Amino acid sequence: MRHDIHSRKRLGLGTLPHFSSDSLFDRIARAVCQAECLPRKELYESWEVARRTRRRFKGGRTVDLACGHGLVAQMMTIIDKTSGSALGVDLVVPPSAARLHARLSETWPFLAERVQIESGEIEAVELLPTDVIVSTHACGPLTDLVLERAMSVGARVAVLPCCHAHGGSEPTGLEGWLDRALAIDVERAERLRRAGYTVYTQHIPEEITPKNRLLMAELE
């Protein structure tokens, strides 16, 4: 049976056979299936963001803003055990986030102590220059808020933007050449450059999500 990686159908015990290898991704995927709370596409999106960000940025605390279930924070801690700790913050954390965290902690016990997922305002999170700030599909201006928070302390940052049409983004002057969403993301990259950041741009596979522009940056 075909396994659509962009599907919004929830992963569960019935999807376990799709993840039978001993690879790190499949081991994480099996824990996610056992938690029975995440859509397929969220697993693949989170993995692509976590592994690409960790390939670029080592160490430091991970701070996952607008974190949802906090899967990216936990994946980044698993991938790079030198990172020490991770914090996931969202205005409303799904009740099933605790179940997902428990399942992952059964395989990686250090997650129980190192990872904290909590409800709260993004503006209220105390950030450090050594942090790695991440956000996956923070809608519209939420992505801009994440970038502003990272720049305010000079932290490394990685965002996968979405919902560009949801207001809050100023016209860039590039809309005559580029579609609105791309123009907004180009302006975000330039804003980071003006703040002294080195910018890295990638695409995660489009078959996972069409909102696939990954923007990463660190201070020079």
C-alpha atoms as a PDB file:
ATOM      1  CA  MET A   1       0.000   0.000   0.000  1.00  0.00           C
ATOM      2  CA  ARG A   2       1.277   3.459  -0.921  1.00  0.00           C
ATOM      3  CA  HIS A   3       2.533   5.626   1.928  1.00  0.00           C
ATOM      4  CA  ASP A   4       1.844   9.287   1.093  1.00  0.00           C
ATOM      5  CA  ILE A   5       4.374  11.384   2.993  1.00  0.00           C
ATOM      6  CA  HIS A   6       2.367  14.580   2.467  1.00  0.00           C
ATOM      7  CA  SER A   7      -0.818  13.069   3.912  1.00  0.00           C
ATOM      8  CA  ARG A   8      -2.577  14.670   6.853  1.00  0.00           C
ATOM      9  CA  LYS A   9      -3.770  11.250   8.002  1.00  0.00           C
ATOM     10  CA  ARG A  10      -2.664  10.387  11.504  1.00  0.00           C
ATOM     11  CA  LEU A  11       0.204   7.977  12.021  1.00  0.00           C
ATOM     12  CA  GLY A  12      -0.707   4.982  14.179  1.00  0.00           C
ATOM     13  CA  LEU A  13       0.005   1.360  14.878  1.00  0.00           C
ATOM     14  CA  GLY A  14      -1.187   0.456  11.388  1.00  0.00           C
ATOM     15  CA  THR A  15       1.609   2.512   9.807  1.00  0.00           C
ATOM     16  CA  LEU A  16       4.420   0.909  11.831  1.00  0.00           C
ATOM     17  CA  PRO A  17       5.373  -1.507   8.979  1.00  0.00           C
ATOM     18  CA  HIS A  18       6.453   1.475   6.859  1.00  0.00           C
ATOM     19  CA  PHE A  19       9.275   2.190   9.326  1.00  0.00           C
ATOM     20  CA  SER A  20      10.954  -1.172   9.860  1.00  0.00           C
ATOM     21  CA  SER A  21      14.640  -0.327   9.418  1.00  0.00           C
ATOM     22  CA  ASP A  22      17.169   0.533  12.122  1.00  0.00           C
ATOM     23  CA  SER A  23      17.765   4.035  10.728  1.00  0.00           C
ATOM     24  CA  LEU A  24      17.417   6.937  13.131  1.00  0.00           C
ATOM     25  CA  PHE A  25      14.459   8.292  11.202  1.00  0.00           C
ATOM     26  CA  ASP A  26      12.585   4.990  11.313  1.00  0.00           C
ATOM     27  CA  ARG A  27      13.263   4.600  15.030  1.00  0.00           C
ATOM     28  CA  ILE A  28      11.804   8.055  15.668  1.00  0.00           C
ATOM     29  CA  ALA A  29       8.909   7.320  13.312  1.00  0.00           C
ATOM     30  CA  ARG A  30       8.009   4.158  15.209  1.00  0.00           C
ATOM     31  CA  ALA A  31       7.729   6.136  18.446  1.00  0.00           C
ATOM     32  CA  VAL A  32       5.547   8.694  16.670  1.00  0.00           C
ATOM     33  CA  CYS A  33       3.304   5.926  15.328  1.00  0.00           C
ATOM     34  CA  GLN A  34       2.913   4.514  18.828  1.00  0.00           C
ATOM     35  CA  ALA A  35       1.867   7.935  20.127  1.00  0.00           C
ATOM     36  CA  GLU A  36      -0.943   7.993  17.530  1.00  0.00           C
ATOM     37  CA  CYS A  37      -1.290  11.765  17.428  1.00  0.00           C
ATOM     38  CA  LEU A  38       0.589  13.230  14.437  1.00  0.00           C
ATOM     39  CA  PRO A  39      -0.208  13.496  10.713  1.00  0.00           C
ATOM     40  CA  ARG A  40       2.319  11.913   8.383  1.00  0.00           C
ATOM     41  CA  LYS A  41       3.437  15.173   6.816  1.00  0.00           C
ATOM     42  CA  GLU A  42       4.341  16.633  10.216  1.00  0.00           C
ATOM     43  CA  LEU A  43       6.734  13.764  10.861  1.00  0.00           C
ATOM     44  CA  TYR A  44       8.532  14.312   7.550  1.00  0.00           C
ATOM     45  CA  GLU A  45       8.503  18.122   7.796  1.00  0.00           C
ATOM     46  CA  SER A  46       9.928  18.005  11.295  1.00  0.00           C
ATOM     47  CA  TRP A  47      12.650  15.571  10.294  1.00  0.00           C
ATOM     48  CA  GLU A  48      13.757  17.645   7.323  1.00  0.00           C
ATOM     49  CA  VAL A  49      13.914  20.832   9.397  1.00  0.00           C
ATOM     50  CA  ALA A  50      15.681  19.153  12.333  1.00  0.00           C
ATOM     51  CA  ARG A  51      18.321  17.258  10.379  1.00  0.00           C
ATOM     52  CA  ARG A  52      19.156  20.131   8.026  1.00  0.00           C
ATOM     53  CA  THR A  53      19.352  22.632  10.866  1.00  0.00           C
ATOM     54  CA  ARG A  54      21.527  20.334  12.973  1.00  0.00           C
ATOM     55  CA  ARG A  55      23.804  19.735   9.990  1.00  0.00           C
ATOM     56  CA  ARG A  56      24.427  23.481   9.923  1.00  0.00           C
ATOM     57  CA  PHE A  57      24.226  24.414  13.632  1.00  0.00           C
ATOM     58  CA  LYS A  58      25.809  22.243  16.338  1.00  0.00           C
ATOM     59  CA  GLY A  59      25.387  22.540  20.087  1.00  0.00           C
ATOM     60  CA  GLY A  60      23.396  25.103  22.016  1.00  0.00           C
ATOM     61  CA  ARG A  61      19.928  24.830  23.470  1.00  0.00           C
ATOM     62  CA  THR A  62      17.166  24.284  20.931  1.00  0.00           C
ATOM     63  CA  VAL A  63      14.205  26.648  21.310  1.00  0.00           C
ATOM     64  CA  ASP A  64      11.249  25.548  19.193  1.00  0.00           C
ATOM     65  CA  LEU A  65       8.801  28.455  18.917  1.00  0.00           C
ATOM     66  CA  ALA A  66       5.185  27.855  17.830  1.00  0.00           C
ATOM     67  CA  CYS A  67       6.232  24.263  18.470  1.00  0.00           C
ATOM     68  CA  GLY A  68       2.945  22.340  18.263  1.00  0.00           C
ATOM     69  CA  HIS A  69       3.828  18.896  19.638  1.00  0.00           C
ATOM     70  CA  GLY A  70       7.484  19.882  20.007  1.00  0.00           C
ATOM     71  CA  LEU A  71       8.738  17.170  17.672  1.00  0.00           C
ATOM     72  CA  VAL A  72      11.445  19.331  16.074  1.00  0.00           C
ATOM     73  CA  ALA A  73      12.915  20.186  19.477  1.00  0.00           C
ATOM     74  CA  GLN A  74      13.067  16.520  20.394  1.00  0.00           C
ATOM     75  CA  MET A  75      14.497  15.412  17.054  1.00  0.00           C
ATOM     76  CA  MET A  76      17.245  18.021  17.278  1.00  0.00           C
ATOM     77  CA  THR A  77      18.147  16.810  20.750  1.00  0.00           C
ATOM     78  CA  ILE A  78      18.307  13.213  19.531  1.00  0.00           C
ATOM     79  CA  ILE A  79      20.424  14.104  16.486  1.00  0.00           C
ATOM     80  CA  ASP A  80      22.936  16.209  18.437  1.00  0.00           C
ATOM     81  CA  LYS A  81      23.319  14.996  22.003  1.00  0.00           C
ATOM     82  CA  THR A  82      25.799  17.818  22.698  1.00  0.00           C
ATOM     83  CA  SER A  83      22.941  20.317  22.538  1.00  0.00           C
ATOM     84  CA  GLY A  84      22.176  19.817  26.210  1.00  0.00           C
ATOM     85  CA  SER A  85      18.533  20.841  26.388  1.00  0.00           C
ATOM     86  CA  ALA A  86      15.521  21.911  24.367  1.00  0.00           C
ATOM     87  CA  LEU A  87      12.477  24.058  25.013  1.00  0.00           C
ATOM     88  CA  GLY A  88       9.277  24.016  22.982  1.00  0.00           C
ATOM     89  CA  VAL A  89       6.782  26.839  23.419  1.00  0.00           C
ATOM     90  CA  ASP A  90       3.372  27.390  21.870  1.00  0.00           C
ATOM     91  CA  LEU A  91       0.380  29.458  22.862  1.00  0.00           C
ATOM     92  CA  VAL A  92      -1.614  26.240  23.169  1.00  0.00           C
ATOM     93  CA  VAL A  93       0.242  22.938  23.415  1.00  0.00           C
ATOM     94  CA  PRO A  94      -1.869  19.946  22.297  1.00  0.00           C
ATOM     95  CA  PRO A  95      -2.677  17.554  25.173  1.00  0.00           C
ATOM     96  CA  SER A  96      -1.214  14.702  23.109  1.00  0.00           C
ATOM     97  CA  ALA A  97       2.228  16.369  23.176  1.00  0.00           C
ATOM     98  CA  ALA A  98       2.850  14.722  26.542  1.00  0.00           C
ATOM     99  CA  ARG A  99       2.070  11.304  25.057  1.00  0.00           C
ATOM    100  CA  LEU A 100       4.475  11.888  22.174  1.00  0.00           C
ATOM    101  CA  HIS A 101       7.204  13.033  24.564  1.00  0.00           C
ATOM    102  CA  ALA A 102       6.669   9.941  26.720  1.00  0.00           C
ATOM    103  CA  ARG A 103       6.908   7.594  23.737  1.00  0.00           C
ATOM    104  CA  LEU A 104      10.119   9.185  22.476  1.00  0.00           C
ATOM    105  CA  SER A 105      11.583   9.129  25.994  1.00  0.00           C
ATOM    106  CA  GLU A 106      11.094   5.361  26.170  1.00  0.00           C
ATOM    107  CA  THR A 107      13.685   4.972  23.407  1.00  0.00           C
ATOM    108  CA  TRP A 108      15.815   8.010  24.324  1.00  0.00           C
ATOM    109  CA  PRO A 109      15.518   8.355  28.131  1.00  0.00           C
ATOM    110  CA  PHE A 110      17.619  11.540  28.236  1.00  0.00           C
ATOM    111  CA  LEU A 111      14.736  13.396  26.544  1.00  0.00           C
ATOM    112  CA  ALA A 112      12.699  13.164  29.750  1.00  0.00           C
ATOM    113  CA  GLU A 113      15.113  15.529  31.504  1.00  0.00           C
ATOM    114  CA  ARG A 114      16.442  17.584  28.620  1.00  0.00           C
ATOM    115  CA  VAL A 115      13.247  18.534  26.769  1.00  0.00           C
ATOM    116  CA  GLN A 116      10.507  20.770  28.128  1.00  0.00           C
ATOM    117  CA  ILE A 117       7.311  21.568  26.210  1.00  0.00           C
ATOM    118  CA  GLU A 118       5.138  24.341  27.635  1.00  0.00           C
ATOM    119  CA  SER A 119       2.364  26.787  26.824  1.00  0.00           C
ATOM    120  CA  GLY A 120       3.230  30.464  26.703  1.00  0.00           C
ATOM    121  CA  GLU A 121       3.722  33.620  24.682  1.00  0.00           C
ATOM    122  CA  ILE A 122       6.629  33.649  22.247  1.00  0.00           C
ATOM    123  CA  GLU A 123       7.417  37.195  23.348  1.00  0.00           C
ATOM    124  CA  ALA A 124       7.932  36.037  26.933  1.00  0.00           C
ATOM    125  CA  VAL A 125      10.528  33.319  26.232  1.00  0.00           C
ATOM    126  CA  GLU A 126      13.951  34.223  27.599  1.00  0.00           C
ATOM    127  CA  LEU A 127      16.477  33.593  24.839  1.00  0.00           C
ATOM    128  CA  LEU A 128      20.261  33.316  24.825  1.00  0.00           C
ATOM    129  CA  PRO A 129      22.825  34.119  22.103  1.00  0.00           C
ATOM    130  CA  THR A 130      23.939  30.472  22.172  1.00  0.00           C
ATOM    131  CA  ASP A 131      20.433  29.137  21.416  1.00  0.00           C
ATOM    132  CA  VAL A 132      19.303  27.631  18.129  1.00  0.00           C
ATOM    133  CA  ILE A 133      15.844  29.069  17.445  1.00  0.00           C
ATOM    134  CA  VAL A 134      13.625  26.989  15.161  1.00  0.00           C
ATOM    135  CA  SER A 135      10.071  27.298  13.921  1.00  0.00           C
ATOM    136  CA  THR A 136       8.231  25.074  11.465  1.00  0.00           C
ATOM    137  CA  HIS A 137       5.283  26.613   9.620  1.00  0.00           C
ATOM    138  CA  ALA A 138       4.635  29.453  12.038  1.00  0.00           C
ATOM    139  CA  CYS A 139       1.746  31.130  10.237  1.00  0.00           C
ATOM    140  CA  GLY A 140       2.268  34.468   8.525  1.00  0.00           C
ATOM    141  CA  PRO A 141       3.661  37.166  10.843  1.00  0.00           C
ATOM    142  CA  LEU A 142       4.524  34.579  13.506  1.00  0.00           C
ATOM    143  CA  THR A 143       7.575  33.713  11.403  1.00  0.00           C
ATOM    144  CA  ASP A 144       8.609  37.381  11.476  1.00  0.00           C
ATOM    145  CA  LEU A 145       8.212  37.416  15.250  1.00  0.00           C
ATOM    146  CA  VAL A 146      10.464  34.354  15.547  1.00  0.00           C
ATOM    147  CA  LEU A 147      13.117  36.057  13.409  1.00  0.00           C
ATOM    148  CA  GLU A 148      12.867  39.251  15.473  1.00  0.00           C
ATOM    149  CA  ARG A 149      13.271  37.309  18.720  1.00  0.00           C
ATOM    150  CA  ALA A 150      16.339  35.499  17.376  1.00  0.00           C
ATOM    151  CA  MET A 151      17.918  38.706  16.068  1.00  0.00           C
ATOM    152  CA  SER A 152      17.280  40.479  19.378  1.00  0.00           C
ATOM    153  CA  VAL A 153      19.882  38.232  21.064  1.00  0.00           C
ATOM    154  CA  GLY A 154      22.006  37.280  18.051  1.00  0.00           C
ATOM    155  CA  ALA A 155      20.961  33.619  18.161  1.00  0.00           C
ATOM    156  CA  ARG A 156      21.135  31.158  15.287  1.00  0.00           C
ATOM    157  CA  VAL A 157      17.771  30.664  13.625  1.00  0.00           C
ATOM    158  CA  ALA A 158      15.977  28.347  11.196  1.00  0.00           C
ATOM    159  CA  VAL A 159      12.416  28.848   9.950  1.00  0.00           C
ATOM    160  CA  LEU A 160      10.154  27.094   7.460  1.00  0.00           C
ATOM    161  CA  PRO A 161       7.601  29.855   6.670  1.00  0.00           C
ATOM    162  CA  CYS A 162       3.997  29.372   5.576  1.00  0.00           C
ATOM    163  CA  CYS A 163       0.675  31.220   5.237  1.00  0.00           C
ATOM    164  CA  HIS A 164       2.259  34.307   3.724  1.00  0.00           C
ATOM    165  CA  ALA A 165      -1.152  35.722   2.825  1.00  0.00           C
ATOM    166  CA  HIS A 166      -2.273  35.974   6.447  1.00  0.00           C
ATOM    167  CA  GLY A 167      -1.356  39.629   6.857  1.00  0.00           C
ATOM    168  CA  GLY A 168       1.369  41.313   8.861  1.00  0.00           C
ATOM    169  CA  SER A 169       4.025  41.332   6.124  1.00  0.00           C
ATOM    170  CA  GLU A 170       4.806  44.661   4.501  1.00  0.00           C
ATOM    171  CA  PRO A 171       5.038  45.026   0.701  1.00  0.00           C
ATOM    172  CA  THR A 172       8.611  44.379  -0.410  1.00  0.00           C
ATOM    173  CA  GLY A 173       8.655  46.137  -3.780  1.00  0.00           C
ATOM    174  CA  LEU A 174       9.571  42.826  -5.411  1.00  0.00           C
ATOM    175  CA  GLU A 175       6.031  41.699  -6.131  1.00  0.00           C
ATOM    176  CA  GLY A 176       6.343  42.826  -9.761  1.00  0.00           C
ATOM    177  CA  TRP A 177       9.006  40.170 -10.345  1.00  0.00           C
ATOM    178  CA  LEU A 178       8.280  37.540  -7.696  1.00  0.00           C
ATOM    179  CA  ASP A 179       5.098  36.034  -6.340  1.00  0.00           C
ATOM    180  CA  ARG A 180       4.067  37.516  -2.994  1.00  0.00           C
ATOM    181  CA  ALA A 181       5.172  34.567  -0.852  1.00  0.00           C
ATOM    182  CA  LEU A 182       8.640  34.404  -2.396  1.00  0.00           C
ATOM    183  CA  ALA A 183       9.024  38.188  -2.213  1.00  0.00           C
ATOM    184  CA  ILE A 184       8.240  38.084   1.521  1.00  0.00           C
ATOM    185  CA  ASP A 185      10.805  35.343   2.129  1.00  0.00           C
ATOM    186  CA  VAL A 186      13.465  37.191   0.104  1.00  0.00           C
ATOM    187  CA  GLU A 187      12.858  40.262   2.244  1.00  0.00           C
ATOM    188  CA  ARG A 188      13.185  38.118   5.392  1.00  0.00           C
ATOM    189  CA  ALA A 189      16.555  36.857   4.188  1.00  0.00           C
ATOM    190  CA  GLU A 190      17.681  40.403   3.412  1.00  0.00           C
ATOM    191  CA  ARG A 191      16.520  41.600   6.843  1.00  0.00           C
ATOM    192  CA  LEU A 192      18.785  38.996   8.412  1.00  0.00           C
ATOM    193  CA  ARG A 193      21.688  40.054   6.200  1.00  0.00           C
ATOM    194  CA  ARG A 194      21.231  43.698   7.195  1.00  0.00           C
ATOM    195  CA  ALA A 195      21.427  42.602  10.835  1.00  0.00           C
ATOM    196  CA  GLY A 196      24.844  41.034  10.181  1.00  0.00           C
ATOM    197  CA  TYR A 197      23.727  37.452   9.661  1.00  0.00           C
ATOM    198  CA  THR A 198      25.062  34.947   7.158  1.00  0.00           C
ATOM    199  CA  VAL A 199      22.041  33.420   5.420  1.00  0.00           C
ATOM    200  CA  TYR A 200      21.608  29.872   4.137  1.00  0.00           C
ATOM    201  CA  THR A 201      18.635  28.845   1.997  1.00  0.00           C
ATOM    202  CA  GLN A 202      17.399  25.362   1.140  1.00  0.00           C
ATOM    203  CA  HIS A 203      14.262  23.564   0.003  1.00  0.00           C
ATOM    204  CA  ILE A 204      12.862  20.534   1.755  1.00  0.00           C
ATOM    205  CA  PRO A 205      11.242  18.051  -0.669  1.00  0.00           C
ATOM    206  CA  GLU A 206       8.143  19.502  -2.329  1.00  0.00           C
ATOM    207  CA  GLU A 207       6.379  16.140  -2.092  1.00  0.00           C
ATOM    208  CA  ILE A 208       6.245  16.715   1.675  1.00  0.00           C
ATOM    209  CA  THR A 209       4.910  20.273   1.497  1.00  0.00           C
ATOM    210  CA  PRO A 210       4.755  23.059  -1.109  1.00  0.00           C
ATOM    211  CA  LYS A 211       5.650  25.526   1.687  1.00  0.00           C
ATOM    212  CA  ASN A 212       9.179  24.209   1.578  1.00  0.00           C
ATOM    213  CA  ARG A 213      11.645  27.133   1.766  1.00  0.00           C
ATOM    214  CA  LEU A 214      13.992  26.633   4.719  1.00  0.00           C
ATOM    215  CA  LEU A 215      15.710  29.825   5.851  1.00  0.00           C
ATOM    216  CA  MET A 216      18.677  29.490   8.217  1.00  0.00           C
ATOM    217  CA  ALA A 217      21.010  32.189   9.491  1.00  0.00           C
ATOM    218  CA  GLU A 218      23.808  32.865  11.983  1.00  0.00           C
ATOM    219  CA  LEU A 219      25.780  35.945  12.944  1.00  0.00           C
ATOM    220  CA  GLU A 220      29.096  36.335  11.157  1.00  0.00           C
END
